Amino acid sequence: MIPTHNDMRILFEGKPEEYIDLYREELDEFLKPDEEDELREFEDFSDVESLDAEELFEILFTIPMTTDDDYCEVVNILADEYLPYDIDADYENKKLVVYIDEDKYVIDSQDGYSILRKFDEIIKPEFEIRVMKLSLDEDNVHSLVILKSDDWKDLEIKYADKVAAYFETIDKTDFKR
């Protein structure tokens, strides 16, 4: 889901109960046990009431990425989840190629973080990828969110310290902390 300004306010004010009230069905669906879901192996979310606003935001609004992921798939998931236009990423001659409508972008890198940074450059200036700082402390999982660049600017005006505390631009992120 794309977070709204209200969703960001809830995060910044630390009011997890508002997420639970607004998104109970989505949380129940996401948190129900599923033996085929490999992502469940790293967390146990058995009691939604015990989660804080940061954890709920991460579950509801971010896309998890691991260093072992297929970054072509990560780009496609990010595009499908957050972007309003047709994007398709695929490998051609061992290079990742991103098609946005009629435009073709070749990302000549095998490093996943470089791929994501290049994808961020491709979708700018209209959109911007940021990393949830909380996820940088996790072993192998990083949580990404894309918003319109204007929305990030609006949030920075209204919640400057909070945006800086919770999110980092992907071009400045040190994933190897």
Protein backbone atom coordinates (compact mmCIF):
# COMPACT_ATOMS: atom_id res chain seq x y z
CA MET A 1 0.00 0.00 0.00
CA ILE A 2 1.07 3.56 -0.59
CA PRO A 3 1.21 5.45 2.72
CA THR A 4 -0.84 8.61 2.97
CA HIS A 5 0.08 11.72 4.94
CA ASN A 6 -2.19 10.39 7.69
CA ASP A 7 -0.28 7.09 7.73
CA MET A 8 2.96 9.02 8.11
CA ARG A 9 1.46 11.13 10.91
CA ILE A 10 0.51 7.95 12.78
CA LEU A 11 4.08 6.68 12.41
CA PHE A 12 5.65 9.95 13.51
CA GLU A 13 3.30 10.33 16.48
CA GLY A 14 3.83 6.70 17.51
CA LYS A 15 0.16 5.69 17.57
CA PRO A 16 0.07 2.01 16.57
CA GLU A 17 -3.52 1.60 17.71
CA GLU A 18 -4.60 3.88 14.85
CA TYR A 19 -2.98 1.52 12.32
CA ILE A 20 -4.71 -1.41 13.99
CA ASP A 21 -8.08 0.36 13.81
CA LEU A 22 -7.63 1.47 10.19
CA TYR A 23 -5.98 -1.62 8.77
CA ARG A 24 -7.20 -4.55 10.87
CA GLU A 25 -8.21 -6.65 7.86
CA GLU A 26 -4.92 -6.05 6.02
CA LEU A 27 -2.89 -6.84 9.15
CA ASP A 28 -4.90 -9.99 9.86
CA GLU A 29 -4.39 -11.12 6.27
CA PHE A 30 -0.68 -10.40 6.29
CA LEU A 31 -0.01 -11.84 9.73
CA LYS A 32 -1.99 -15.06 9.42
CA PRO A 33 0.22 -18.16 9.38
CA ASP A 34 1.20 -19.31 5.92
CA GLU A 35 3.57 -22.25 5.58
CA GLU A 36 4.65 -21.20 2.08
CA ASP A 37 5.67 -17.68 3.07
CA GLU A 38 9.45 -17.73 3.48
CA LEU A 39 9.53 -14.17 4.85
CA ARG A 40 7.81 -15.38 8.03
CA GLU A 41 10.94 -17.26 9.04
CA PHE A 42 12.62 -14.11 10.33
CA GLU A 43 9.77 -12.70 12.43
CA ASP A 44 6.93 -13.91 14.60
CA PHE A 45 4.02 -11.46 14.55
CA SER A 46 1.63 -13.55 16.58
CA ASP A 47 0.25 -10.62 18.57
CA VAL A 48 -0.49 -7.55 16.45
CA GLU A 49 -1.41 -5.56 19.57
CA SER A 50 2.17 -5.78 20.82
CA LEU A 51 3.70 -4.21 17.69
CA ASP A 52 4.78 -0.59 17.75
CA ALA A 53 4.02 2.01 15.09
CA GLU A 54 7.34 1.45 13.29
CA GLU A 55 6.78 -2.30 12.99
CA LEU A 56 3.21 -1.82 11.78
CA PHE A 57 4.29 0.81 9.24
CA GLU A 58 6.97 -1.55 7.97
CA ILE A 59 4.44 -4.38 7.57
CA LEU A 60 1.78 -2.25 5.91
CA PHE A 61 3.68 0.12 3.66
CA THR A 62 7.17 -1.08 2.80
CA ILE A 63 8.58 -3.68 0.45
CA PRO A 64 11.17 -5.94 2.09
CA MET A 65 14.33 -6.62 0.17
CA THR A 66 17.18 -8.97 1.04
CA THR A 67 20.71 -9.10 -0.29
CA ASP A 68 19.86 -12.48 -1.82
CA ASP A 69 16.83 -11.26 -3.80
CA ASP A 70 16.50 -11.21 -7.54
CA TYR A 71 16.65 -7.44 -8.08
CA CYS A 72 14.74 -7.67 -11.33
CA GLU A 73 11.85 -9.00 -9.26
CA VAL A 74 12.40 -6.31 -6.60
CA VAL A 75 12.15 -3.57 -9.26
CA ASN A 76 8.96 -5.13 -10.65
CA ILE A 77 7.39 -5.41 -7.18
CA LEU A 78 8.30 -1.81 -6.29
CA ALA A 79 6.87 -0.61 -9.60
CA ASP A 80 3.67 -2.63 -9.25
CA GLU A 81 3.12 -1.51 -5.67
CA TYR A 82 4.00 2.18 -5.90
CA LEU A 83 4.13 3.54 -9.44
CA PRO A 84 1.16 4.53 -11.58
CA TYR A 85 2.67 3.71 -14.96
CA ASP A 86 3.67 0.52 -16.75
CA ILE A 87 7.13 -0.70 -15.79
CA ASP A 88 8.67 -4.02 -16.70
CA ALA A 89 12.12 -5.17 -15.68
CA ASP A 90 13.81 -8.17 -17.24
CA TYR A 91 17.26 -9.52 -17.96
CA GLU A 92 18.68 -9.17 -21.46
CA ASN A 93 22.23 -10.35 -22.19
CA LYS A 94 22.87 -10.66 -18.45
CA LYS A 95 21.97 -7.00 -17.88
CA LEU A 96 18.88 -5.71 -16.14
CA VAL A 97 16.69 -3.74 -18.51
CA VAL A 98 13.85 -1.56 -17.27
CA TYR A 99 11.09 -0.57 -19.66
CA ILE A 100 8.92 2.38 -18.71
CA ASP A 101 6.23 2.69 -21.32
CA GLU A 102 8.28 3.07 -24.52
CA ASP A 103 11.58 4.01 -22.84
CA LYS A 104 14.34 1.48 -22.24
CA TYR A 105 16.97 1.77 -19.47
CA VAL A 106 19.88 -0.62 -19.14
CA ILE A 107 21.28 -1.08 -15.65
CA ASP A 108 24.76 -2.42 -16.13
CA SER A 109 25.43 -3.71 -12.63
CA GLN A 110 25.16 -6.98 -10.77
CA ASP A 111 25.17 -5.29 -7.35
CA GLY A 112 21.61 -5.14 -6.01
CA TYR A 113 22.10 -1.86 -4.20
CA SER A 114 23.52 -0.24 -7.33
CA ILE A 115 20.54 -1.53 -9.27
CA LEU A 116 18.13 0.04 -6.79
CA ARG A 117 20.03 3.34 -6.84
CA LYS A 118 19.92 3.39 -10.64
CA PHE A 119 16.20 2.56 -10.60
CA ASP A 120 15.73 5.49 -8.20
CA GLU A 121 17.52 7.76 -10.71
CA ILE A 122 15.24 6.48 -13.48
CA ILE A 123 12.00 7.29 -11.62
CA LYS A 124 13.21 10.71 -10.44
CA PRO A 125 12.29 13.50 -10.32
CA GLU A 126 8.68 12.38 -10.01
CA PHE A 127 9.24 9.62 -7.41
CA GLU A 128 11.86 8.73 -4.84
CA ILE A 129 12.85 5.53 -3.05
CA ARG A 130 13.70 5.72 0.62
CA VAL A 131 14.84 3.10 3.08
CA MET A 132 13.27 2.74 6.49
CA LYS A 133 16.19 3.23 8.87
CA LEU A 134 14.76 0.74 11.34
CA SER A 135 15.35 -1.98 8.75
CA LEU A 136 19.02 -1.12 8.37
CA ASP A 137 19.62 -2.69 11.77
CA GLU A 138 18.14 -6.00 10.59
CA ASP A 139 20.56 -8.66 9.40
CA ASN A 140 19.61 -9.18 5.79
CA VAL A 141 16.33 -7.35 5.21
CA HIS A 142 15.81 -3.75 4.17
CA SER A 143 12.43 -2.06 3.86
CA LEU A 144 11.82 0.23 0.91
CA VAL A 145 9.07 2.73 0.22
CA ILE A 146 8.43 4.95 -2.80
CA LEU A 147 6.52 8.20 -2.65
CA LYS A 148 6.12 11.10 -5.01
CA SER A 149 9.04 13.47 -4.55
CA ASP A 150 6.59 16.27 -3.77
CA ASP A 151 5.06 14.17 -0.98
CA TRP A 152 8.51 13.62 0.55
CA LYS A 153 9.11 17.39 0.38
CA ASP A 154 5.75 18.11 2.05
CA LEU A 155 6.52 15.61 4.80
CA GLU A 156 9.98 17.10 5.32
CA ILE A 157 8.45 20.55 5.74
CA LYS A 158 5.89 19.35 8.26
CA TYR A 159 7.91 16.63 10.04
CA ALA A 160 11.55 17.39 9.20
CA ASP A 161 13.16 15.68 12.21
CA LYS A 162 10.85 12.68 12.06
CA VAL A 163 11.38 12.07 8.34
CA ALA A 164 15.15 12.25 8.90
CA ALA A 165 14.88 9.90 11.88
CA TYR A 166 12.81 7.25 10.08
CA PHE A 167 13.88 7.38 6.43
CA GLU A 168 17.04 7.70 4.41
CA THR A 169 17.36 8.40 0.71
CA ILE A 170 18.58 5.35 -1.14
CA ASP A 171 21.52 7.20 -2.66
CA LYS A 172 22.91 7.93 0.83
CA THR A 173 22.12 4.58 2.42
CA ASP A 174 24.98 2.42 3.62
CA PHE A 175 23.41 -1.03 3.40
CA LYS A 176 26.47 -2.70 4.86
CA ARG A 177 26.22 -1.17 8.32
